Protein backbone atom coordinates (compact mmCIF):
# COMPACT_ATOMS: atom_id res chain seq x y z
CA MET A 1 -9.93 -44.67 51.15
CA ALA A 2 -7.79 -47.40 49.60
CA ASP A 3 -9.90 -49.77 47.53
CA ASP A 4 -7.26 -52.41 46.84
CA LEU A 5 -5.14 -54.59 49.13
CA GLN A 6 -1.94 -53.48 47.46
CA ASP A 7 -2.83 -49.86 48.17
CA VAL A 8 -3.47 -50.74 51.82
CA VAL A 9 -0.08 -52.38 52.36
CA ASP A 10 1.85 -49.78 50.36
CA VAL A 11 0.31 -46.82 52.21
CA LEU A 12 0.86 -48.38 55.65
CA ALA A 13 4.43 -49.40 54.78
CA GLU A 14 5.34 -45.85 53.79
CA GLN A 15 3.69 -44.46 56.92
CA LEU A 16 5.58 -46.85 59.22
CA GLN A 17 8.70 -47.35 57.09
CA GLN A 18 8.30 -51.09 57.69
CA SER A 19 7.49 -54.06 55.46
CA VAL A 20 3.78 -54.93 55.48
CA ALA A 21 2.04 -58.06 54.22
CA ILE A 22 -1.50 -59.41 54.16
CA ASP A 23 -2.28 -63.15 54.22
CA ASP A 24 -5.56 -65.00 53.87
CA PRO A 25 -6.88 -67.09 56.81
CA SER A 26 -4.70 -70.02 55.68
CA ILE A 27 -1.53 -67.86 55.79
CA ARG A 28 -1.24 -67.57 52.02
CA LEU A 29 0.09 -64.28 50.75
CA LEU A 30 -2.40 -61.85 49.21
CA ALA A 31 -0.36 -58.64 49.08
CA ALA A 32 3.07 -57.41 50.20
CA SER A 33 4.81 -54.04 50.27
CA ARG A 34 8.39 -53.32 49.29
CA HIS A 35 10.99 -54.28 51.88
CA PHE A 36 12.74 -51.86 54.21
CA GLY A 37 15.68 -54.09 55.15
CA ASP A 38 13.57 -55.81 57.81
CA GLU A 39 12.69 -58.96 55.87
CA ASP A 40 13.56 -62.41 57.28
CA ASP A 41 13.64 -65.93 55.79
CA ALA A 42 9.92 -66.50 56.35
CA ARG A 43 8.96 -63.28 54.55
CA VAL A 44 11.23 -64.06 51.60
CA MET A 45 9.76 -67.57 51.26
CA SER A 46 6.23 -66.16 51.55
CA VAL A 47 6.85 -63.73 48.69
CA LEU A 48 8.49 -66.38 46.51
CA ASN A 49 5.98 -69.20 47.16
CA ARG A 50 2.86 -67.18 48.13
CA SER A 51 2.77 -69.21 51.36
CA VAL A 52 4.95 -70.07 54.35
CA ALA A 53 6.42 -73.43 55.30
CA PRO A 54 4.02 -75.79 57.13
CA GLU A 55 6.04 -75.64 60.36
CA VAL A 56 5.79 -71.83 60.37
CA ARG A 57 2.04 -71.94 59.73
CA ASP A 58 1.53 -74.50 62.51
CA GLN A 59 3.48 -72.39 64.99
CA ILE A 60 1.41 -69.32 64.08
CA PHE A 61 -1.90 -71.09 64.58
CA ALA A 62 -0.64 -72.63 67.83
CA GLN A 63 -0.53 -69.09 69.27
CA GLY A 64 -4.26 -68.70 68.75
CA VAL A 65 -4.19 -65.91 66.16
CA ALA A 66 -7.44 -67.15 64.61
CA GLN A 67 -9.27 -66.04 67.77
CA TRP A 68 -7.61 -62.63 68.10
CA THR A 69 -9.71 -59.48 67.69
CA SER A 70 -6.90 -56.92 68.04
CA PRO A 71 -3.20 -56.69 67.10
CA GLY A 72 -0.81 -58.91 69.03
CA ARG A 73 2.78 -60.09 69.04
CA VAL A 74 3.80 -63.42 67.48
CA LEU A 75 7.04 -65.04 68.62
CA LEU A 76 8.11 -68.07 66.62
CA PRO A 77 10.87 -70.31 68.04
CA LEU A 78 12.20 -71.01 64.56
CA SER A 79 15.55 -70.18 63.02
CA GLY A 80 15.47 -67.23 60.64
CA VAL A 81 12.05 -65.98 61.78
CA ARG A 82 11.85 -62.64 63.58
CA PRO A 83 9.06 -61.48 65.95
CA ARG A 84 5.99 -60.03 64.26
CA THR A 85 2.95 -57.92 64.92
CA CYS A 86 -0.18 -59.64 63.70
CA ALA A 87 -3.44 -57.71 63.21
CA PRO A 88 -6.44 -59.93 62.45
CA ILE A 89 -8.51 -58.69 59.52
CA ARG A 90 -12.22 -58.98 60.25
CA CYS A 91 -15.42 -57.67 58.74
CA ALA A 92 -19.07 -58.53 59.42
CA GLY A 93 -17.94 -60.98 62.09
CA LEU A 94 -15.76 -62.98 59.69
CA LEU A 95 -12.03 -63.61 59.91
CA LEU A 96 -10.78 -62.70 56.43
CA GLY A 97 -7.01 -62.63 56.88
CA TYR A 98 -4.03 -61.24 58.78
CA LEU A 99 -1.95 -58.08 58.44
CA TRP A 100 1.73 -58.56 59.35
CA LEU A 101 4.58 -56.29 60.40
CA ILE A 102 8.08 -57.60 61.09
CA GLU A 103 9.31 -55.92 64.25
CA SER A 104 12.25 -53.54 63.71
CA GLY A 105 13.25 -53.16 67.34
CA SER A 106 10.69 -50.99 69.13
CA ALA A 107 7.12 -51.93 69.96
CA LEU A 108 4.21 -50.14 68.33
CA ASP A 109 3.28 -46.90 70.04
CA GLU A 110 -0.34 -45.75 70.25
CA LYS A 111 -0.17 -43.70 67.03
CA ARG A 112 1.42 -46.50 64.98
CA GLU A 113 -0.96 -49.11 66.38
CA LYS A 114 -3.89 -46.89 65.35
CA LEU A 115 -2.55 -46.81 61.79
CA VAL A 116 -2.30 -50.63 61.81
CA ARG A 117 -5.87 -51.00 63.09
CA GLU A 118 -7.19 -48.60 60.45
CA ALA A 119 -5.31 -50.44 57.71
CA ALA A 120 -6.71 -53.78 58.93
CA GLU A 121 -10.22 -52.30 58.86
CA ARG A 122 -9.76 -51.07 55.27
CA ALA A 123 -8.36 -54.44 54.25
CA GLY A 124 -11.40 -56.09 55.88
CA VAL A 125 -13.77 -54.05 53.72
CA VAL A 126 -11.81 -54.95 50.55
CA LEU A 127 -11.71 -58.65 51.42
CA TYR A 128 -15.38 -58.71 52.40
CA ARG A 129 -16.33 -57.22 49.04
CA ARG A 130 -14.16 -59.81 47.33
CA LEU A 131 -15.83 -62.55 49.38
CA VAL A 132 -19.30 -61.40 48.40
CA VAL A 133 -18.35 -61.25 44.72
CA HIS A 134 -16.63 -64.63 44.98
CA GLU A 135 -19.61 -66.29 46.66
CA ARG A 136 -22.00 -64.90 44.06
CA ALA A 137 -19.78 -66.09 41.21
CA LYS A 138 -19.30 -69.44 42.92
CA ALA A 139 -23.05 -69.93 43.32
CA ARG A 140 -23.60 -68.97 39.69
CA HIS A 141 -20.91 -71.33 38.43
CA GLU A 142 -22.13 -74.19 40.61
CA ALA A 143 -25.66 -73.69 39.28
CA ILE A 144 -24.30 -73.91 35.72
CA LEU A 145 -22.46 -77.13 36.60
CA TRP A 146 -25.58 -78.84 37.92
CA GLU A 147 -27.51 -77.72 34.85
CA LEU A 148 -24.75 -79.13 32.61
CA VAL A 149 -25.55 -82.61 33.93
CA ALA A 150 -29.33 -82.24 34.18
CA SER A 151 -31.55 -84.93 32.67
CA ASP A 152 -33.39 -82.37 30.53
CA ARG A 153 -31.61 -81.79 27.20
CA GLY A 154 -32.88 -78.20 26.91
CA ILE A 155 -31.48 -77.30 30.34
CA ARG A 156 -28.12 -78.82 29.41
CA ALA A 157 -28.03 -76.86 26.14
CA GLN A 158 -28.73 -73.59 27.95
CA ALA A 159 -26.01 -74.40 30.51
CA VAL A 160 -23.49 -74.90 27.69
CA ASP A 161 -24.42 -71.47 26.30
CA ASP A 162 -24.08 -69.95 29.78
CA LEU A 163 -20.71 -71.62 30.26
CA ARG A 164 -19.43 -70.08 27.03
CA ALA A 165 -20.95 -66.69 27.82
CA GLU A 166 -19.22 -66.61 31.22
CA GLN A 167 -15.88 -67.28 29.46
CA LEU A 168 -14.84 -69.58 32.27
CA PHE A 169 -12.44 -71.60 30.15
CA PRO A 170 -9.68 -70.67 27.69
CA ASP A 171 -10.75 -70.40 24.06
CA ASP A 172 -8.12 -72.76 22.67
CA ALA A 173 -8.61 -76.52 22.34
CA MET A 174 -9.35 -77.98 25.76
CA ARG A 175 -10.42 -81.35 27.08
CA PHE A 176 -13.06 -81.59 29.79
CA GLN A 177 -13.03 -84.28 32.44
CA VAL A 178 -15.02 -84.93 35.61
CA LEU A 179 -13.55 -86.15 38.91
CA GLY A 180 -16.33 -87.37 41.20
CA VAL A 181 -16.18 -88.04 44.95
CA GLN A 182 -18.74 -90.01 46.96
CA HIS A 183 -18.83 -90.33 50.74
CA TYR A 184 -20.09 -93.41 52.56
CA GLY A 185 -20.54 -93.56 56.32
CA PRO A 186 -19.11 -96.31 58.54
CA ASP A 187 -22.26 -98.38 57.93
CA GLY A 188 -21.64 -98.32 54.17
CA VAL A 189 -24.59 -96.01 53.46
CA VAL A 190 -24.21 -92.75 51.54
CA ALA A 191 -23.76 -90.12 54.26
CA PRO A 192 -24.38 -86.35 54.05
CA GLN A 193 -21.24 -84.25 54.67
CA HIS A 194 -21.84 -81.16 52.54
CA VAL A 195 -19.57 -78.71 54.38
CA ALA A 196 -16.62 -81.10 54.61
CA LEU A 197 -16.97 -82.14 50.97
CA GLU A 198 -17.10 -78.55 49.77
CA ALA A 199 -14.14 -77.44 51.88
CA ALA A 200 -12.04 -80.41 50.76
CA MET A 201 -12.87 -79.74 47.13
CA GLU A 202 -11.90 -76.06 47.50
CA ASP A 203 -8.59 -77.16 49.01
CA THR A 204 -8.09 -79.50 46.05
CA CYS A 205 -8.73 -76.63 43.63
CA ASP A 206 -6.08 -74.60 45.44
CA LEU A 207 -3.59 -77.44 44.97
CA LEU A 208 -4.37 -77.60 41.26
CA SER A 209 -3.98 -73.85 40.85
CA GLN A 210 -0.54 -74.01 42.47
CA THR A 211 0.81 -77.05 40.60
CA SER A 212 -0.95 -77.29 37.23
CA PRO A 213 0.36 -75.52 34.14
CA SER A 214 -1.77 -73.00 32.27
CA PRO A 215 -4.04 -72.85 30.47
CA ARG A 216 -6.32 -74.76 32.77
CA ALA A 217 -9.38 -74.15 34.85
CA GLU A 218 -11.51 -75.94 37.41
CA LEU A 219 -15.08 -75.59 38.54
CA MET A 220 -16.50 -77.47 41.51
CA ALA A 221 -19.89 -78.43 42.86
CA ALA A 222 -21.02 -80.29 45.97
CA ASN A 223 -24.22 -81.47 47.54
CA ARG A 224 -25.00 -83.43 50.71
CA SER A 225 -23.15 -86.63 49.81
CA ARG A 226 -21.10 -86.08 46.66
CA ALA A 227 -18.76 -83.53 45.16
CA TRP A 228 -17.32 -83.18 41.70
CA LEU A 229 -14.71 -81.22 39.87
CA LEU A 230 -14.87 -80.21 36.23
CA LEU A 231 -11.35 -80.00 34.86
CA ALA A 232 -10.47 -78.19 31.64
CA ARG A 233 -6.98 -78.64 30.28
CA ARG A 234 -5.09 -79.74 27.22
CA ARG A 235 -4.11 -83.09 28.71
CA GLU A 236 -5.83 -85.57 30.97
CA LEU A 237 -4.64 -86.03 34.54
CA ASP A 238 -2.02 -88.75 34.87
CA ASP A 239 -2.03 -91.29 37.70
CA SER A 240 0.44 -89.38 39.88
CA GLN A 241 -1.60 -86.18 39.60
CA LEU A 242 -4.76 -88.09 40.47
CA GLU A 243 -3.12 -89.65 43.51
CA ALA A 244 -1.90 -86.26 44.75
CA ILE A 245 -5.32 -84.66 44.28
CA CYS A 246 -7.19 -87.46 46.02
CA ALA A 247 -4.69 -87.64 48.88
CA ARG A 248 -5.09 -83.89 49.44
CA PHE A 249 -8.87 -84.24 49.37
CA VAL A 250 -8.89 -87.13 51.85
CA ALA A 251 -6.53 -85.35 54.26
CA ARG A 252 -8.64 -82.20 54.30
CA PHE A 253 -11.92 -84.10 54.56
CA ASP A 254 -10.69 -86.26 57.44
CA ARG A 255 -9.56 -83.19 59.39
CA LEU A 256 -13.06 -81.74 59.10
CA ASN A 257 -15.09 -84.91 59.41
CA GLY A 258 -13.31 -87.96 60.81
CA ASP A 259 -16.42 -90.18 61.00
CA GLY A 260 -14.55 -93.33 60.03
CA GLY A 261 -16.40 -93.53 56.72
CA GLN A 262 -15.02 -93.99 53.23
CA LEU A 263 -14.35 -91.68 50.30
CA VAL A 264 -14.27 -93.16 46.82
CA PHE A 265 -13.24 -91.36 43.64
CA GLY A 266 -14.26 -91.86 40.05
CA VAL A 267 -12.83 -90.32 36.88
CA GLY A 268 -14.88 -89.95 33.71
CA SER A 269 -13.48 -89.98 30.20
CA ALA A 270 -12.08 -86.74 28.79
CA VAL A 271 -14.32 -85.08 26.20
CA ASP A 272 -13.64 -82.35 23.65
CA ARG A 273 -16.90 -80.39 23.85
CA PRO A 274 -18.89 -78.91 26.75
CA GLU A 275 -21.98 -80.64 25.35
CA HIS A 276 -20.43 -83.98 26.34
CA ILE A 277 -19.58 -83.08 29.94
CA ALA A 278 -22.76 -84.79 31.16
CA GLY A 279 -21.43 -88.07 29.81
CA SER A 280 -18.13 -87.70 31.68
CA TYR A 281 -20.12 -86.87 34.83
CA ARG A 282 -22.22 -90.04 34.57
CA GLN A 283 -19.09 -92.10 33.95
CA ALA A 284 -17.30 -90.56 36.94
CA PHE A 285 -20.06 -91.50 39.37
CA LEU A 286 -20.47 -94.91 37.82
CA ALA A 287 -16.75 -95.31 38.56
CA THR A 288 -17.25 -94.19 42.18
CA ARG A 289 -19.85 -96.93 42.57
CA ALA A 290 -17.42 -99.43 41.07
CA ALA A 291 -14.68 -98.29 43.46
CA ARG A 292 -17.07 -98.86 46.35
CA LEU A 293 -18.36 -102.28 45.26
CA VAL A 294 -15.15 -103.70 43.79
CA PRO A 295 -12.29 -102.71 46.14
CA SER A 296 -9.67 -103.99 43.70
CA LEU A 297 -10.62 -101.07 41.41
CA GLY A 298 -10.41 -98.34 43.99
CA PRO A 299 -10.40 -96.09 45.83
CA VAL A 300 -9.72 -94.15 42.61
CA ALA A 301 -11.40 -95.76 39.61
CA ARG A 302 -11.18 -94.57 36.02
CA PHE A 303 -14.22 -95.33 33.89
CA GLY A 304 -11.96 -96.54 31.09
CA ASP A 305 -10.49 -99.21 33.41
CA LEU A 306 -13.78 -100.71 34.62
CA GLY A 307 -14.00 -103.40 31.96
CA PRO A 308 -17.28 -105.36 32.18
CA TYR A 309 -18.26 -103.46 35.34
CA ALA A 310 -18.87 -100.37 33.18
CA LEU A 311 -21.83 -102.22 31.63
CA LEU A 312 -22.98 -104.27 34.61
CA LEU A 313 -23.18 -101.30 36.97
CA GLN A 314 -25.69 -99.63 34.69
CA MET A 315 -28.17 -102.40 35.53
CA PRO A 316 -30.57 -101.75 38.42
CA ALA A 317 -29.29 -103.53 41.52
CA ASP A 318 -32.35 -105.82 41.83
CA ASP A 319 -32.06 -106.87 38.18
CA LEU A 320 -28.36 -107.58 38.53
CA ILE A 321 -28.85 -109.64 41.69
CA ALA A 322 -31.56 -111.67 39.94
CA ALA A 323 -29.38 -112.18 36.84
CA SER A 324 -26.41 -113.26 38.97
CA ARG A 325 -28.17 -116.48 39.99
CA SER A 326 -26.41 -118.95 37.69
CA PRO A 327 -27.05 -122.71 37.99
CA ASP A 328 -23.60 -123.37 36.52
CA LEU A 329 -21.78 -121.28 39.11
CA ASP A 330 -24.05 -122.46 41.93
CA ALA A 331 -23.05 -126.02 41.10
CA LEU A 332 -19.39 -125.01 40.96
CA GLU A 333 -19.60 -123.46 44.43
CA ARG A 334 -21.38 -126.50 45.86
CA GLU A 335 -19.06 -129.12 44.41
CA GLY A 336 -15.77 -127.30 44.21
CA GLY A 337 -15.89 -124.62 46.88
CA HIS A 338 -13.35 -126.25 49.19
CA ASN A 339 -10.90 -126.55 46.28
CA GLY A 340 -11.33 -122.94 45.13
CA LEU A 341 -12.74 -123.76 41.71
CA VAL A 342 -14.62 -120.45 41.44
CA THR A 343 -11.42 -118.55 42.23
CA THR A 344 -9.57 -120.70 39.71
CA LEU A 345 -12.14 -120.03 36.99
CA GLU A 346 -12.05 -116.28 37.59
CA ALA A 347 -8.25 -116.15 37.50
CA PHE A 348 -8.22 -118.16 34.26
CA LEU A 349 -10.82 -115.94 32.58
CA ASP A 350 -9.35 -112.67 33.91
CA ASN A 351 -6.07 -113.66 32.26
CA ALA A 352 -7.76 -114.34 28.91
CA GLY A 353 -7.26 -118.10 29.18
CA ASP A 354 -3.48 -117.80 29.65
CA VAL A 355 -2.68 -120.91 31.71
CA ALA A 356 0.83 -119.78 32.68
CA ALA A 357 -0.38 -116.38 33.92
CA ALA A 358 -3.34 -117.86 35.80
CA ALA A 359 -1.15 -120.50 37.46
CA GLN A 360 1.21 -117.76 38.63
CA VAL A 361 -1.67 -115.73 40.07
CA LEU A 362 -3.03 -118.79 41.87
CA ASN A 363 0.43 -119.97 42.90
CA VAL A 364 -0.21 -123.51 41.62
CA HIS A 365 1.51 -125.82 39.17
CA ARG A 366 0.16 -125.82 35.62
CA ALA A 367 -0.77 -129.49 35.90
CA THR A 368 -2.90 -128.65 38.93
CA LEU A 369 -4.57 -125.84 37.01
CA TYR A 370 -5.31 -128.09 34.02
CA ASP A 371 -6.89 -130.62 36.36
CA ARG A 372 -9.08 -127.94 37.94
CA LEU A 373 -10.18 -126.62 34.55
CA LYS A 374 -11.31 -130.10 33.51
CA ARG A 375 -13.33 -130.42 36.70
CA ILE A 376 -14.86 -126.97 36.09
CA GLU A 377 -15.97 -128.03 32.60
CA ARG A 378 -17.46 -131.23 33.96
CA ILE A 379 -19.38 -129.52 36.78
CA THR A 380 -20.68 -126.57 34.76
CA GLY A 381 -21.24 -128.36 31.47
CA ARG A 382 -19.42 -125.50 29.74
CA ALA A 383 -16.50 -125.79 27.33
CA LEU A 384 -13.76 -123.32 28.20
CA GLY A 385 -12.55 -123.45 24.61
CA ASN A 386 -15.91 -122.05 23.45
CA GLY A 387 -16.05 -118.24 23.32
CA ASN A 388 -19.74 -117.99 24.21
CA ASP A 389 -19.36 -120.34 27.18
CA ARG A 390 -16.37 -118.39 28.44
CA LEU A 391 -18.23 -115.09 28.09
CA THR A 392 -21.26 -116.48 29.93
CA LEU A 393 -19.16 -117.74 32.83
CA HIS A 394 -17.05 -114.57 33.01
CA LEU A 395 -20.05 -112.23 33.10
CA GLY A 396 -21.70 -114.52 35.63
CA LEU A 397 -18.68 -114.27 37.92
CA LYS A 398 -18.61 -110.47 37.70
CA MET A 399 -22.34 -110.22 38.35
CA ARG A 400 -22.02 -112.49 41.39
CA ARG A 401 -19.25 -110.29 42.73
CA LEU A 402 -21.38 -107.17 42.34
CA ALA A 403 -24.46 -108.91 43.74
CA ALA A 404 -22.50 -109.94 46.84
CA ALA A 405 -21.30 -106.35 47.25
CA TYR A 406 -24.84 -105.00 46.93
CA ARG A 407 -25.97 -107.48 49.61
CA GLY A 408 -23.03 -106.52 51.82
CA GLU A 409 -21.44 -109.97 51.66
CA PRO A 410 -17.64 -110.33 51.72
CA ALA A 411 -16.16 -110.97 48.29
CA GLY A 412 -14.13 -114.10 47.69
CA ALA A 413 -15.53 -115.97 50.66
CA GLU A 414 -14.84 -119.41 49.23
CA SER A 415 -11.71 -121.36 49.96
CA SER A 416 -8.69 -120.80 47.76
CA SER A 417 -6.66 -123.80 48.90
CA THR A 418 -4.43 -125.47 46.36
């Protein structure tokens, strides 16, 4: 009996003198025989790209092939696509793929259909064995990932040894980086969506494997409310790569879930040694919290771009809320709220005291800004030319913003009139 998919397609192709191919359940090519002059545009593209065009895939699924239990005929109303015989590949009750024959004129007779069924059964055994091995390896690798970020130093050290022993990453100089994903329900509370998170992360790994240069590797883990990806490559992900990955993740997750909730993403710093992966993991999920609480940072937040939030978010929420109560800023809100003095102060400090830049952000004349700054100094009793006073006010503003987010209050509620 054939013990490899390539053997299955090659033997059946020679028996039938027709091209044979096997796809996975997502219509991505796993194995293909030589051609017998019966190939069409869709087969050529499948061999070249290891997948078919989205419109071809959609038309295939629209015919209900995922529910078939025996060979059937697929007619696609698309230019350059010939009729096909599709035999679903199943084993142990699972749909594991599809076996394809491009029709060469005559329908399958009973003898030829029997050969197709037998080949599909053999392919099912091969794919089921692969699935079992894959699931065991996946469970093992996921266990190593969780141990890599455990609080116990001894467990982390053993996980690093296991990671090296498994030879999961290339030996040459690599940089490790964590991409974290957190899901919040419509009510803003962390919501469990384990299956959707895991499936979306697997889809993201597929995208990376198709588009990222070698050497590179990814390992993923997911639990009830969060998922994370450990990336190993020579260079960090750039912004365009991050956007593509997160967009793919969101699209897949929404198709499976669609609860109206929110996904936020955080990226930890790249590190050179597996021993430091735990640090990148903590940073990534600190960044997801920042993306949730400070919308201007998200929905994809890099730890290196968090500024003061990287420190403030490490405070317990109750402590931060208590520390955010500032008499200076309370007075500023009471006396200058209708004139937007808090907004003015934050714009001034965010722009490092650059009056021209702050005035542009606020869309006011510089003279108006100078007048507001004098009033801010008078109300707060702070000198904006003093570094310590500026730091105190700036941290106070950031803590108030986080405290409001923790309490579920809208940010920037005060007036910003000029």
